[in-house]
């Protein structure tokens, strides 16, 4: 299974997208883009926003919590909060992001990549 297909499987399991089989099939959002936070997407694909050296295990310095652990942990929480306030719709409305997406769409060859439908 391709990496992209694995990502969409994870998104589907978290009910962020739904799949349609057959010709013309692909994936579409399961809820309005305005109701999907970037933090949900990051969590759904098993990524983290953890900035601690120990991945939150409190063992960053010889098996113990390091001096800066709380600072890095607070930063991780701030990043998560920031991403939780940004919706997919917010991203789609950013002209610079739309420009990059259009450029990347032009450069992608027709392949076995899943078809994704995102409403304007």
N, C-alpha and C. Protein backbone atom coordinates (compact mmCIF):
# COMPACT_ATOMS: atom_id res chain seq x y z
N UNK A 1 0.85 -1.17 0.00
CA UNK A 1 0.00 0.00 0.00
C UNK A 1 0.90 1.24 0.00
N UNK A 2 0.60 2.20 -0.84
CA UNK A 2 1.41 3.40 -0.95
C UNK A 2 1.29 4.25 0.31
N UNK A 3 2.27 5.11 0.50
CA UNK A 3 2.28 5.98 1.68
C UNK A 3 1.03 6.86 1.71
N UNK A 4 0.66 7.41 0.55
CA UNK A 4 -0.52 8.27 0.48
C UNK A 4 -1.78 7.48 0.84
N UNK A 5 -1.87 6.27 0.35
CA UNK A 5 -3.03 5.43 0.67
C UNK A 5 -3.06 5.13 2.17
N UNK A 6 -1.90 4.92 2.78
CA UNK A 6 -1.84 4.69 4.23
C UNK A 6 -2.35 5.91 4.99
N UNK A 7 -1.96 7.10 4.53
CA UNK A 7 -2.43 8.33 5.18
C UNK A 7 -3.94 8.45 5.09
N UNK A 8 -4.49 8.19 3.90
CA UNK A 8 -5.95 8.30 3.74
C UNK A 8 -6.68 7.23 4.55
N UNK A 9 -6.08 6.07 4.71
CA UNK A 9 -6.69 5.03 5.56
C UNK A 9 -6.80 5.54 6.99
N UNK A 10 -5.74 6.19 7.47
CA UNK A 10 -5.76 6.74 8.83
C UNK A 10 -6.79 7.86 8.96
N UNK A 11 -6.86 8.71 7.94
CA UNK A 11 -7.84 9.80 7.97
C UNK A 11 -9.26 9.25 7.96
N UNK A 12 -9.47 8.18 7.20
CA UNK A 12 -10.79 7.55 7.13
C UNK A 12 -11.16 6.93 8.47
N UNK A 13 -10.21 6.27 9.11
CA UNK A 13 -10.48 5.66 10.42
C UNK A 13 -10.87 6.69 11.46
N UNK A 14 -10.35 7.90 11.32
CA UNK A 14 -10.70 8.98 12.25
C UNK A 14 -11.92 9.76 11.78
N UNK A 15 -12.55 9.26 10.70
CA UNK A 15 -13.77 9.85 10.14
C UNK A 15 -13.59 11.29 9.64
N UNK A 16 -12.37 11.60 9.18
CA UNK A 16 -12.12 12.91 8.59
C UNK A 16 -12.44 12.90 7.10
N UNK A 17 -12.28 11.73 6.46
CA UNK A 17 -12.61 11.59 5.04
C UNK A 17 -13.45 10.33 4.88
N UNK A 18 -14.11 10.24 3.73
CA UNK A 18 -14.84 9.01 3.37
C UNK A 18 -14.36 8.61 1.99
N UNK A 19 -14.43 7.34 1.73
CA UNK A 19 -13.96 6.85 0.44
C UNK A 19 -15.13 6.44 -0.44
N UNK A 20 -14.92 6.59 -1.74
CA UNK A 20 -15.90 6.16 -2.74
C UNK A 20 -15.16 5.22 -3.68
N UNK A 21 -15.68 4.04 -3.86
CA UNK A 21 -15.04 3.05 -4.73
C UNK A 21 -15.49 3.21 -6.17
N UNK A 22 -14.73 2.61 -7.05
CA UNK A 22 -15.12 2.54 -8.46
C UNK A 22 -14.59 3.68 -9.29
N UNK A 23 -14.95 3.66 -10.59
CA UNK A 23 -14.50 4.72 -11.49
C UNK A 23 -14.97 6.08 -10.98
N UNK A 24 -14.07 7.03 -10.96
CA UNK A 24 -14.40 8.35 -10.45
C UNK A 24 -14.40 8.40 -8.94
N UNK A 25 -14.04 7.29 -8.30
CA UNK A 25 -14.02 7.23 -6.84
C UNK A 25 -12.82 7.98 -6.28
N UNK A 26 -12.72 7.97 -5.01
CA UNK A 26 -11.63 8.65 -4.33
C UNK A 26 -12.04 8.96 -2.91
N UNK A 27 -11.56 10.07 -2.41
CA UNK A 27 -11.84 10.48 -1.04
C UNK A 27 -12.46 11.86 -1.03
N UNK A 28 -13.34 12.07 -0.07
CA UNK A 28 -13.91 13.40 0.13
C UNK A 28 -14.00 13.64 1.64
N UNK A 29 -14.08 14.91 2.00
CA UNK A 29 -14.17 15.25 3.42
C UNK A 29 -15.47 14.72 4.00
N UNK A 30 -15.39 14.26 5.23
CA UNK A 30 -16.57 13.72 5.90
C UNK A 30 -17.36 14.80 6.62
N UNK A 31 -16.75 15.95 6.83
CA UNK A 31 -17.44 17.11 7.41
C UNK A 31 -16.94 18.35 6.70
N UNK A 32 -17.59 19.46 6.91
CA UNK A 32 -17.14 20.69 6.25
C UNK A 32 -15.69 21.02 6.64
N UNK A 33 -14.95 21.56 5.69
CA UNK A 33 -13.55 21.91 5.94
C UNK A 33 -13.41 22.88 7.11
N UNK A 34 -14.41 23.70 7.32
CA UNK A 34 -14.37 24.66 8.42
C UNK A 34 -14.47 23.99 9.78
N UNK A 35 -14.88 22.72 9.80
CA UNK A 35 -15.05 21.98 11.06
C UNK A 35 -13.93 20.98 11.32
N UNK A 36 -12.89 21.01 10.48
CA UNK A 36 -11.76 20.10 10.65
C UNK A 36 -10.53 20.92 10.99
N UNK A 37 -10.01 20.72 12.20
CA UNK A 37 -8.81 21.44 12.65
C UNK A 37 -7.55 20.75 12.14
N UNK A 38 -6.55 21.54 11.83
CA UNK A 38 -5.27 21.00 11.37
C UNK A 38 -4.71 20.03 12.42
N UNK A 39 -4.90 20.32 13.69
CA UNK A 39 -4.42 19.44 14.75
C UNK A 39 -5.05 18.05 14.65
N UNK A 40 -6.32 17.98 14.24
CA UNK A 40 -6.98 16.67 14.06
C UNK A 40 -6.31 15.87 12.95
N UNK A 41 -5.94 16.55 11.89
CA UNK A 41 -5.29 15.88 10.76
C UNK A 41 -3.93 15.35 11.19
N UNK A 42 -3.17 16.18 11.88
CA UNK A 42 -1.84 15.78 12.36
C UNK A 42 -1.97 14.55 13.26
N UNK A 43 -2.90 14.59 14.19
CA UNK A 43 -3.10 13.46 15.11
C UNK A 43 -3.57 12.21 14.37
N UNK A 44 -4.44 12.38 13.38
CA UNK A 44 -5.00 11.25 12.64
C UNK A 44 -3.94 10.46 11.89
N UNK A 45 -2.92 11.14 11.41
CA UNK A 45 -1.87 10.45 10.65
C UNK A 45 -0.69 10.07 11.55
N UNK A 46 -0.96 10.04 12.86
CA UNK A 46 0.01 9.59 13.86
C UNK A 46 1.27 10.45 13.91
N UNK A 47 1.11 11.72 13.65
CA UNK A 47 2.22 12.65 13.83
C UNK A 47 2.02 13.34 15.17
N UNK A 48 3.09 13.89 15.68
CA UNK A 48 2.98 14.60 16.95
C UNK A 48 3.56 16.00 16.79
N UNK A 49 3.24 16.83 17.73
CA UNK A 49 3.83 18.16 17.78
C UNK A 49 4.70 18.26 19.03
N UNK A 50 5.22 17.13 19.46
CA UNK A 50 6.05 17.06 20.65
C UNK A 50 7.45 17.57 20.34
N UNK A 51 7.87 18.60 21.05
CA UNK A 51 9.20 19.17 20.81
C UNK A 51 10.21 18.73 21.87
N UNK A 52 9.79 17.88 22.80
CA UNK A 52 10.73 17.41 23.82
C UNK A 52 11.69 16.40 23.22
N UNK A 53 12.87 16.37 23.76
CA UNK A 53 13.90 15.43 23.27
C UNK A 53 13.51 13.98 23.55
N UNK A 54 12.72 13.78 24.63
CA UNK A 54 12.40 12.42 25.09
C UNK A 54 11.02 11.96 24.65
N UNK A 55 10.37 12.70 23.78
CA UNK A 55 9.01 12.38 23.34
C UNK A 55 8.03 12.31 24.51
N UNK A 56 8.25 13.17 25.49
CA UNK A 56 7.34 13.25 26.63
C UNK A 56 7.54 12.21 27.70
N UNK A 57 8.60 11.41 27.60
CA UNK A 57 8.82 10.33 28.56
C UNK A 57 9.52 10.79 29.84
N UNK A 58 9.92 12.05 29.89
CA UNK A 58 10.61 12.61 31.08
C UNK A 58 11.93 11.93 31.40
N UNK A 59 12.61 11.38 30.40
CA UNK A 59 13.89 10.71 30.63
C UNK A 59 14.99 11.26 29.71
N UNK A 60 14.92 12.56 29.47
CA UNK A 60 15.80 13.18 28.47
C UNK A 60 17.24 13.37 28.93
N UNK A 61 17.50 13.31 30.21
CA UNK A 61 18.86 13.53 30.70
C UNK A 61 19.25 12.39 31.64
N UNK A 62 19.97 11.43 31.09
CA UNK A 62 20.41 10.26 31.88
C UNK A 62 19.27 9.59 32.63
N UNK A 63 18.12 9.43 31.94
CA UNK A 63 16.99 8.74 32.53
C UNK A 63 16.09 9.62 33.38
N UNK A 64 16.43 10.88 33.48
CA UNK A 64 15.63 11.82 34.26
C UNK A 64 15.20 12.98 33.37
N UNK A 65 14.26 13.75 33.88
CA UNK A 65 13.79 14.93 33.15
C UNK A 65 14.92 15.97 33.08
N UNK A 66 15.10 16.54 31.91
CA UNK A 66 16.14 17.55 31.74
C UNK A 66 15.67 18.91 32.25
N UNK A 67 16.60 19.83 32.36
CA UNK A 67 16.32 21.16 32.89
C UNK A 67 15.28 21.90 32.06
N UNK A 68 15.32 21.74 30.75
CA UNK A 68 14.43 22.50 29.86
C UNK A 68 13.16 21.73 29.46
N UNK A 69 12.92 20.57 30.06
CA UNK A 69 11.80 19.73 29.65
C UNK A 69 10.46 20.48 29.71
N UNK A 70 10.19 21.14 30.80
CA UNK A 70 8.91 21.85 30.95
C UNK A 70 8.75 22.93 29.89
N UNK A 71 9.84 23.62 29.57
CA UNK A 71 9.80 24.65 28.53
C UNK A 71 9.42 24.04 27.19
N UNK A 72 10.06 22.92 26.81
CA UNK A 72 9.77 22.26 25.54
C UNK A 72 8.37 21.66 25.54
N UNK A 73 7.95 21.13 26.70
CA UNK A 73 6.60 20.56 26.79
C UNK A 73 5.55 21.66 26.62
N UNK A 74 5.79 22.82 27.25
CA UNK A 74 4.86 23.95 27.08
C UNK A 74 4.81 24.39 25.63
N UNK A 75 5.95 24.40 24.95
CA UNK A 75 5.98 24.76 23.53
C UNK A 75 5.15 23.77 22.72
N UNK A 76 5.27 22.50 23.01
CA UNK A 76 4.48 21.48 22.31
C UNK A 76 2.99 21.76 22.46
N UNK A 77 2.58 22.11 23.67
CA UNK A 77 1.17 22.39 23.93
C UNK A 77 0.71 23.65 23.20
N UNK A 78 1.59 24.65 23.10
CA UNK A 78 1.26 25.87 22.38
C UNK A 78 1.10 25.59 20.88
N UNK A 79 1.96 24.76 20.34
CA UNK A 79 1.88 24.41 18.91
C UNK A 79 0.57 23.67 18.65
N UNK A 80 0.23 22.71 19.51
CA UNK A 80 -1.02 21.97 19.35
C UNK A 80 -2.21 22.93 19.40
N UNK A 81 -2.22 23.83 20.37
CA UNK A 81 -3.32 24.79 20.50
C UNK A 81 -3.42 25.67 19.25
N UNK A 82 -2.28 26.09 18.75
CA UNK A 82 -2.24 26.91 17.54
C UNK A 82 -2.85 26.16 16.36
N UNK A 83 -2.43 24.90 16.16
CA UNK A 83 -2.94 24.10 15.04
C UNK A 83 -4.41 23.76 15.24
N UNK A 84 -4.85 23.67 16.47
CA UNK A 84 -6.25 23.35 16.76
C UNK A 84 -7.17 24.53 16.44
N UNK A 85 -6.62 25.71 16.34
CA UNK A 85 -7.40 26.91 16.01
C UNK A 85 -7.46 27.19 14.50
N UNK A 86 -6.73 26.42 13.71
CA UNK A 86 -6.70 26.62 12.26
C UNK A 86 -7.49 25.49 11.61
N UNK A 87 -8.49 25.87 10.83
CA UNK A 87 -9.29 24.86 10.15
C UNK A 87 -8.71 24.59 8.75
N UNK A 88 -9.12 23.49 8.19
CA UNK A 88 -8.74 23.17 6.82
C UNK A 88 -9.25 24.26 5.88
N UNK A 89 -10.43 24.79 6.17
CA UNK A 89 -11.00 25.88 5.38
C UNK A 89 -10.09 27.12 5.44
N UNK A 90 -9.57 27.43 6.62
CA UNK A 90 -8.65 28.56 6.76
C UNK A 90 -7.45 28.40 5.82
N UNK A 91 -6.90 27.20 5.79
CA UNK A 91 -5.75 26.94 4.91
C UNK A 91 -6.12 27.09 3.45
N UNK A 92 -7.30 26.58 3.09
CA UNK A 92 -7.72 26.62 1.69
C UNK A 92 -7.97 28.05 1.22
N UNK A 93 -8.24 28.95 2.14
CA UNK A 93 -8.51 30.33 1.77
C UNK A 93 -7.24 31.18 1.65
N UNK A 94 -6.12 30.65 2.10
CA UNK A 94 -4.84 31.37 1.99
C UNK A 94 -4.36 31.33 0.54
N UNK A 95 -4.22 32.49 -0.06
CA UNK A 95 -3.84 32.53 -1.48
C UNK A 95 -2.46 31.91 -1.72
N UNK A 96 -1.52 32.11 -0.80
CA UNK A 96 -0.18 31.54 -1.00
C UNK A 96 -0.23 30.01 -0.98
N UNK A 97 -1.09 29.45 -0.15
CA UNK A 97 -1.22 28.00 -0.08
C UNK A 97 -1.91 27.48 -1.34
N UNK A 98 -2.91 28.20 -1.82
CA UNK A 98 -3.60 27.82 -3.05
C UNK A 98 -2.62 27.84 -4.23
N UNK A 99 -1.72 28.84 -4.27
CA UNK A 99 -0.73 28.93 -5.34
C UNK A 99 0.20 27.73 -5.33
N UNK A 100 0.67 27.35 -4.14
CA UNK A 100 1.56 26.19 -4.02
C UNK A 100 0.83 24.92 -4.44
N UNK A 101 -0.42 24.77 -3.99
CA UNK A 101 -1.21 23.58 -4.34
C UNK A 101 -1.41 23.49 -5.85
N UNK A 102 -1.70 24.60 -6.49
CA UNK A 102 -1.90 24.61 -7.94
C UNK A 102 -0.61 24.23 -8.65
N UNK A 103 0.51 24.76 -8.19
CA UNK A 103 1.81 24.43 -8.81
C UNK A 103 2.12 22.95 -8.64
N UNK A 104 1.86 22.42 -7.47
CA UNK A 104 2.14 21.00 -7.23
C UNK A 104 1.20 20.12 -8.04
N UNK A 105 -0.06 20.53 -8.19
CA UNK A 105 -1.01 19.77 -9.00
C UNK A 105 -0.54 19.67 -10.44
N UNK A 106 0.03 20.76 -10.96
CA UNK A 106 0.51 20.77 -12.34
C UNK A 106 1.69 19.82 -12.53
N UNK A 107 2.51 19.66 -11.49
CA UNK A 107 3.72 18.87 -11.63
C UNK A 107 3.51 17.38 -11.37
N UNK A 108 2.37 17.02 -10.82
CA UNK A 108 2.10 15.62 -10.52
C UNK A 108 1.59 14.91 -11.77
N UNK A 109 2.23 13.81 -12.10
CA UNK A 109 1.79 13.01 -13.24
C UNK A 109 0.59 12.18 -12.82
N UNK A 110 -0.21 11.78 -13.79
CA UNK A 110 -1.30 10.86 -13.50
C UNK A 110 -0.68 9.57 -13.00
N UNK A 111 -1.12 9.13 -11.86
CA UNK A 111 -0.54 7.92 -11.26
C UNK A 111 -1.62 7.17 -10.51
N UNK A 112 -1.18 6.26 -9.68
CA UNK A 112 -2.10 5.48 -8.86
C UNK A 112 -2.49 6.22 -7.58
N UNK A 113 -2.16 7.50 -7.50
CA UNK A 113 -2.50 8.27 -6.31
C UNK A 113 -4.00 8.39 -6.18
N UNK A 114 -4.52 8.35 -4.95
CA UNK A 114 -5.95 8.49 -4.76
C UNK A 114 -6.46 9.85 -5.21
N UNK A 115 -7.67 9.86 -5.72
CA UNK A 115 -8.32 11.11 -6.11
C UNK A 115 -8.91 11.73 -4.85
N UNK A 116 -8.66 13.03 -4.65
CA UNK A 116 -9.15 13.74 -3.48
C UNK A 116 -10.01 14.89 -3.94
N UNK A 117 -11.22 14.98 -3.39
CA UNK A 117 -12.13 16.07 -3.73
C UNK A 117 -12.27 16.97 -2.51
N UNK A 118 -11.90 18.24 -2.69
CA UNK A 118 -12.08 19.23 -1.64
C UNK A 118 -12.93 20.34 -2.22
N UNK A 119 -14.10 20.58 -1.63
CA UNK A 119 -14.98 21.61 -2.17
C UNK A 119 -14.38 22.99 -2.02
N UNK A 120 -14.67 23.88 -2.98
CA UNK A 120 -14.20 25.27 -2.90
C UNK A 120 -14.96 26.03 -1.87
